[in-house]
């Protein structure tokens, strides 16, 4: 569906360095990395709002024009939720949403608008101007505008940052429905990879404008290649056993009595409840901090296997 070929981009410094990847129809792709690493610039290039220095974008096997070659920047087939939201600030919430579906008959406009107002809890704000909304409310409005247009590809730049947990779950469920019903594809940019582990088909670890790795979220979580990469996809433990550095997640352990070959003696420090899980904190004799997940407190543990 989408092919990015050898994209390079720079301002006063090099932002994107020979970026290439493909996205299949009806798939979720997550792009994970530090803020300021070029992820947002890449989304703007893919959506037709920013011209790369070199490289090409192909959508449905068609080479896409650059913004400098278009009368109005942006592609009809691709919607984007910017971090700056891209709203008409002096229009109301209702007007902002409706302008994305003006090509449809009025009865369909009203049906889709009601659906978006319900999904993103915007009914009570429908007559307020966008400039008077909070940051979180503006983000929800920006998401509504992106979703209502029925684009084939939707780009989401840090879409969950202002959303509370119930709203986040509702939005994820809706995105999954769009994927199933319309075969809509999504690219989600985030610096918090554990947000996309259960959502995306593939993920890209992005660092300093370079793709360092493309793999399934499961691979990133269970088989990270570096501790820096691992930290973007959830808590990670790093310990030395027999002079070998071992990385393991808080759920990747077994508990045994003292003895055996691959053991790690630990001292319990404290625990805290987070939802259904208890976060148990330990320390090794070397002073390495360890986090273990469990459904109960584990202060009696003195030896684990990893």
Protein backbone atom coordinates (compact mmCIF):
# COMPACT_ATOMS: atom_id res chain seq x y z
CA UNK A 1 0.00 0.00 0.00
CA UNK A 2 2.74 2.46 0.99
CA UNK A 3 6.41 2.39 0.08
CA UNK A 4 8.93 4.89 1.42
CA UNK A 5 12.15 4.87 -0.59
CA UNK A 6 15.42 6.47 0.50
CA UNK A 7 13.92 9.53 2.15
CA UNK A 8 16.45 12.15 3.26
CA UNK A 9 15.59 15.44 4.92
CA UNK A 10 17.53 18.22 6.63
CA UNK A 11 17.13 21.73 8.02
CA UNK A 12 20.31 23.10 9.56
CA UNK A 13 21.18 19.48 10.35
CA UNK A 14 20.36 16.09 8.90
CA UNK A 15 16.97 14.95 10.24
CA UNK A 16 16.18 11.82 8.18
CA UNK A 17 18.90 9.60 6.76
CA UNK A 18 17.97 7.27 3.92
CA UNK A 19 14.67 6.04 5.42
CA UNK A 20 12.96 3.14 3.60
CA UNK A 21 10.11 0.81 4.59
CA UNK A 22 6.80 -0.65 3.34
CA UNK A 23 3.33 -0.80 4.84
CA UNK A 24 0.69 -3.33 3.82
CA UNK A 25 -3.02 -2.63 3.41
CA UNK A 26 -4.98 -2.90 6.66
CA UNK A 27 -1.91 -2.96 8.91
CA UNK A 28 -0.80 -0.96 11.92
CA UNK A 29 2.79 0.29 11.96
CA UNK A 30 4.33 1.86 15.06
CA UNK A 31 7.35 4.18 14.88
CA UNK A 32 9.10 4.42 18.23
CA UNK A 33 12.00 6.59 19.34
CA UNK A 34 13.11 9.63 21.28
CA UNK A 35 11.46 13.02 20.83
CA UNK A 36 13.35 15.13 18.31
CA UNK A 37 14.56 12.11 16.36
CA UNK A 38 12.73 12.92 13.11
CA UNK A 39 9.53 10.88 13.55
CA UNK A 40 7.13 13.83 13.19
CA UNK A 41 9.03 15.16 10.15
CA UNK A 42 8.66 11.75 8.52
CA UNK A 43 4.87 11.78 9.05
CA UNK A 44 4.61 15.25 7.51
CA UNK A 45 6.56 14.04 4.47
CA UNK A 46 4.34 10.94 4.11
CA UNK A 47 1.18 13.09 4.35
CA UNK A 48 2.38 15.57 1.71
CA UNK A 49 2.94 18.60 3.92
CA UNK A 50 6.75 18.60 3.85
CA UNK A 51 9.12 17.99 0.94
CA UNK A 52 12.10 15.67 1.43
CA UNK A 53 15.52 16.60 0.08
CA UNK A 54 15.56 13.31 -1.80
CA UNK A 55 13.68 10.02 -1.98
CA UNK A 56 10.21 8.99 -3.13
CA UNK A 57 6.82 8.02 -1.72
CA UNK A 58 4.62 5.46 -3.48
CA UNK A 59 0.97 5.01 -2.50
CA UNK A 60 -1.01 2.17 -4.10
CA UNK A 61 1.85 1.81 -6.62
CA UNK A 62 1.53 5.48 -7.60
CA UNK A 63 4.40 7.92 -7.14
CA UNK A 64 3.17 10.83 -5.02
CA UNK A 65 3.82 14.48 -5.86
CA UNK A 66 5.79 16.68 -3.50
CA UNK A 67 4.08 19.65 -1.77
CA UNK A 68 6.01 22.04 -4.03
CA UNK A 69 4.30 20.41 -7.03
CA UNK A 70 0.76 20.76 -5.62
CA UNK A 71 -1.59 23.75 -5.43
CA UNK A 72 -2.72 22.64 -1.96
CA UNK A 73 -0.36 20.50 0.18
CA UNK A 74 -1.58 17.15 1.49
CA UNK A 75 -3.02 13.97 -0.01
CA UNK A 76 -6.74 13.17 -0.06
CA UNK A 77 -6.04 9.49 0.64
CA UNK A 78 -3.95 10.20 3.75
CA UNK A 79 -5.06 11.92 6.97
CA UNK A 80 -2.71 13.08 9.71
CA UNK A 81 -3.14 14.07 13.35
CA UNK A 82 -0.35 16.59 13.94
CA UNK A 83 1.10 17.43 17.34
CA UNK A 84 0.00 21.00 16.58
CA UNK A 85 -3.46 19.53 15.73
CA UNK A 86 -3.99 21.48 12.46
CA UNK A 87 -7.42 22.87 13.42
CA UNK A 88 -9.39 25.85 12.13
CA UNK A 89 -9.08 27.68 15.44
CA UNK A 90 -11.91 30.16 14.90
CA UNK A 91 -14.40 27.53 13.77
CA UNK A 92 -16.49 25.53 16.22
CA UNK A 93 -15.90 21.88 16.99
CA UNK A 94 -18.91 20.97 14.83
CA UNK A 95 -17.67 23.11 11.93
CA UNK A 96 -14.17 21.63 12.17
CA UNK A 97 -15.54 18.12 11.86
CA UNK A 98 -18.19 18.87 9.23
CA UNK A 99 -15.73 20.49 6.81
CA UNK A 100 -14.08 17.09 6.32
CA UNK A 101 -17.31 15.52 4.99
CA UNK A 102 -18.91 18.34 2.99
CA UNK A 103 -18.73 16.18 -0.14
CA UNK A 104 -21.26 13.73 1.35
CA UNK A 105 -25.07 14.03 1.45
CA UNK A 106 -26.32 15.82 4.58
CA UNK A 107 -27.83 12.66 6.09
CA UNK A 108 -24.47 10.88 5.96
CA UNK A 109 -22.64 13.94 7.25
CA UNK A 110 -24.88 14.04 10.34
CA UNK A 111 -24.51 10.31 10.99
CA UNK A 112 -20.70 10.40 10.81
CA UNK A 113 -20.44 13.59 12.89
CA UNK A 114 -22.61 12.11 15.64
CA UNK A 115 -20.41 8.99 15.60
CA UNK A 116 -17.26 11.11 16.09
CA UNK A 117 -18.82 13.28 18.80
CA UNK A 118 -19.82 10.11 20.68
CA UNK A 119 -16.49 8.36 20.22
CA UNK A 120 -14.35 11.27 21.41
CA UNK A 121 -16.77 12.72 23.98
CA UNK A 122 -17.15 16.06 22.17
CA UNK A 123 -20.93 16.57 22.27
CA UNK A 124 -20.82 19.15 25.06
CA UNK A 125 -18.13 21.10 23.20
CA UNK A 126 -19.72 21.05 19.74
CA UNK A 127 -20.50 24.80 19.68
CA UNK A 128 -17.21 25.96 21.19
CA UNK A 129 -14.50 27.45 19.01
CA UNK A 130 -11.38 25.33 18.73
CA UNK A 131 -9.18 28.15 20.05
CA UNK A 132 -11.00 27.97 23.40
CA UNK A 133 -10.42 24.23 23.89
CA UNK A 134 -7.79 22.70 26.14
CA UNK A 135 -4.85 20.81 24.65
CA UNK A 136 -6.53 17.47 25.31
CA UNK A 137 -9.81 18.63 23.77
CA UNK A 138 -8.00 19.94 20.69
CA UNK A 139 -6.26 16.60 20.28
CA UNK A 140 -9.58 14.75 20.42
CA UNK A 141 -11.00 17.12 17.81
CA UNK A 142 -7.96 16.59 15.58
CA UNK A 143 -8.43 12.81 15.84
CA UNK A 144 -12.13 13.17 14.99
CA UNK A 145 -11.25 15.14 11.84
CA UNK A 146 -8.73 12.50 10.76
CA UNK A 147 -11.08 9.55 11.34
CA UNK A 148 -14.23 10.99 9.80
CA UNK A 149 -12.68 11.45 6.36
CA UNK A 150 -12.51 7.67 5.75
CA UNK A 151 -8.93 7.96 4.50
CA UNK A 152 -7.13 4.83 3.37
CA UNK A 153 -4.12 5.69 5.54
CA UNK A 154 -4.24 7.57 8.85
CA UNK A 155 -1.10 8.96 10.48
CA UNK A 156 -1.22 9.56 14.24
CA UNK A 157 1.51 11.60 15.95
CA UNK A 158 1.55 10.82 19.70
CA UNK A 159 -2.25 10.20 19.65
CA UNK A 160 -2.63 9.03 23.25
CA UNK A 161 -0.59 11.68 25.07
CA UNK A 162 -3.60 13.76 26.26
CA UNK A 163 -6.17 10.95 26.52
CA UNK A 164 -7.36 9.36 29.75
CA UNK A 165 -7.37 5.56 30.04
CA UNK A 166 -11.07 4.97 29.14
CA UNK A 167 -10.85 7.28 26.12
CA UNK A 168 -7.64 5.58 24.99
CA UNK A 169 -9.26 2.13 25.16
CA UNK A 170 -12.33 3.38 23.26
CA UNK A 171 -10.18 4.93 20.53
CA UNK A 172 -8.04 1.81 20.13
CA UNK A 173 -11.20 -0.30 19.77
CA UNK A 174 -12.49 2.05 17.07
CA UNK A 175 -9.19 1.94 15.17
CA UNK A 176 -9.33 -1.85 15.23
CA UNK A 177 -12.86 -1.73 13.77
CA UNK A 178 -11.71 0.57 10.95
CA UNK A 179 -8.94 -1.90 10.19
CA UNK A 180 -11.38 -4.82 10.04
CA UNK A 181 -14.25 -3.11 8.20
CA UNK A 182 -12.46 -0.74 5.81
CA UNK A 183 -8.93 -2.23 5.75
CA UNK A 184 -7.69 1.16 6.90
CA UNK A 185 -3.95 1.34 7.53
CA UNK A 186 -2.33 3.31 10.35
CA UNK A 187 1.08 4.67 11.24
CA UNK A 188 1.38 5.62 14.89
CA UNK A 189 4.35 7.64 16.16
CA UNK A 190 5.17 7.43 19.85
CA UNK A 191 8.08 7.61 22.26
CA UNK A 192 6.30 5.08 24.48
CA UNK A 193 6.45 1.71 22.73
CA UNK A 194 4.41 -0.22 25.28
CA UNK A 195 1.36 1.75 24.00
CA UNK A 196 1.52 -0.11 20.68
CA UNK A 197 2.64 -3.63 21.66
CA UNK A 198 -0.85 -5.12 21.38
CA UNK A 199 -1.97 -2.80 18.58
CA UNK A 200 0.64 -2.79 15.81
CA UNK A 201 1.54 -5.51 13.33
CA UNK A 202 5.07 -4.16 12.98
CA UNK A 203 7.21 -1.56 14.70
CA UNK A 204 10.19 0.55 13.72
CA UNK A 205 12.80 1.60 16.24
CA UNK A 206 13.96 5.02 15.11
CA UNK A 207 17.11 6.77 16.36
CA UNK A 208 18.60 10.04 15.14
CA UNK A 209 16.73 9.85 11.84
CA UNK A 210 17.84 6.28 11.11
CA UNK A 211 15.79 3.08 11.14
CA UNK A 212 17.71 0.85 13.55
CA UNK A 213 15.35 -2.13 13.46
CA UNK A 214 12.03 -3.28 11.95
CA UNK A 215 10.31 -6.18 13.73
CA UNK A 216 7.07 -7.27 15.38
CA UNK A 217 6.29 -5.60 18.74
CA UNK A 218 6.59 -9.06 20.30
CA UNK A 219 10.20 -9.30 19.10
CA UNK A 220 10.99 -5.86 20.45
CA UNK A 221 9.52 -6.81 23.81
CA UNK A 222 10.82 -10.35 24.22
CA UNK A 223 14.06 -10.21 22.21
CA UNK A 224 15.51 -6.69 22.38
CA UNK A 225 18.95 -6.16 20.88
CA UNK A 226 20.11 -3.35 23.17
CA UNK A 227 18.99 -2.01 26.52
CA UNK A 228 18.30 1.39 24.93
CA UNK A 229 15.95 -0.22 22.39
CA UNK A 230 14.36 -2.38 25.08
CA UNK A 231 13.51 0.58 27.33
CA UNK A 232 11.15 2.03 24.71
CA UNK A 233 8.91 -1.07 24.91
CA UNK A 234 8.52 -1.41 28.66
CA UNK A 235 10.52 -2.01 31.85
CA UNK A 236 13.70 -4.03 31.39
CA UNK A 237 16.13 -5.56 33.88
CA UNK A 238 19.86 -5.64 33.18
CA UNK A 239 22.04 -7.85 35.39
CA UNK A 240 25.44 -9.51 35.23
CA UNK A 241 25.54 -13.29 35.72
CA UNK A 242 28.89 -15.09 35.42
CA UNK A 243 30.30 -11.94 33.79
CA UNK A 244 27.62 -12.05 31.11
CA UNK A 245 25.14 -9.20 30.68
CA UNK A 246 21.54 -10.49 30.77
CA UNK A 247 18.44 -8.50 29.77
CA UNK A 248 15.02 -9.72 30.89
CA UNK A 249 11.54 -8.34 31.33
CA UNK A 250 9.79 -8.20 34.72
CA UNK A 251 7.64 -11.20 33.71
CA UNK A 252 10.54 -13.33 32.38
CA UNK A 253 11.70 -15.19 35.47
CA UNK A 254 11.16 -18.29 37.59
CA UNK A 255 11.43 -18.63 41.34
CA UNK A 256 13.52 -21.43 42.87
CA UNK A 257 15.07 -22.38 46.15
CA UNK A 258 18.77 -21.67 46.51
CA UNK A 259 20.94 -23.93 44.36
CA UNK A 260 21.35 -24.71 40.68
CA UNK A 261 23.53 -23.15 38.01
CA UNK A 262 21.75 -20.04 36.73
CA UNK A 263 20.70 -18.30 39.92
CA UNK A 264 20.55 -14.70 40.96
CA UNK A 265 20.31 -13.87 44.66
CA UNK A 266 18.24 -10.81 45.38
CA UNK A 267 17.17 -8.68 48.32
CA UNK A 268 13.59 -7.42 48.53
CA UNK A 269 13.23 -3.63 48.74
CA UNK A 270 9.57 -2.64 48.35
CA UNK A 271 6.41 -3.31 46.32
CA UNK A 272 3.55 -1.28 44.88
CA UNK A 273 0.18 -2.20 43.42
CA UNK A 274 -0.51 -1.04 39.84
CA UNK A 275 -3.86 -2.32 38.62
CA UNK A 276 -3.98 -6.13 38.81
CA UNK A 277 -0.19 -6.41 39.08
CA UNK A 278 2.18 -5.92 41.98
CA UNK A 279 5.49 -4.29 41.04
CA UNK A 280 8.11 -5.93 43.26
CA UNK A 281 11.48 -4.20 43.52
CA UNK A 282 14.69 -6.08 44.40
CA UNK A 283 18.42 -5.42 44.49
CA UNK A 284 21.31 -7.77 43.70
CA UNK A 285 24.56 -7.99 45.65
CA UNK A 286 26.15 -5.87 42.90
CA UNK A 287 23.57 -3.14 43.54
CA UNK A 288 21.60 -3.80 40.34
CA UNK A 289 17.95 -2.85 40.60
CA UNK A 290 15.39 -5.49 39.52
CA UNK A 291 11.64 -5.18 38.90
CA UNK A 292 9.42 -8.30 38.89
CA UNK A 293 5.70 -8.42 38.07
CA UNK A 294 3.38 -10.72 39.98
CA UNK A 295 -0.19 -10.92 41.23
CA UNK A 296 0.93 -10.80 44.85
CA UNK A 297 3.70 -9.43 47.07
CA UNK A 298 6.98 -11.35 46.82
CA UNK A 299 8.98 -10.12 49.81
CA UNK A 300 9.99 -13.69 50.74
CA UNK A 301 11.93 -14.28 47.49
CA UNK A 302 15.67 -14.79 47.80
CA UNK A 303 16.60 -16.44 44.49
CA UNK A 304 15.33 -16.16 40.90
CA UNK A 305 16.15 -17.73 37.56
CA UNK A 306 16.12 -15.59 34.41
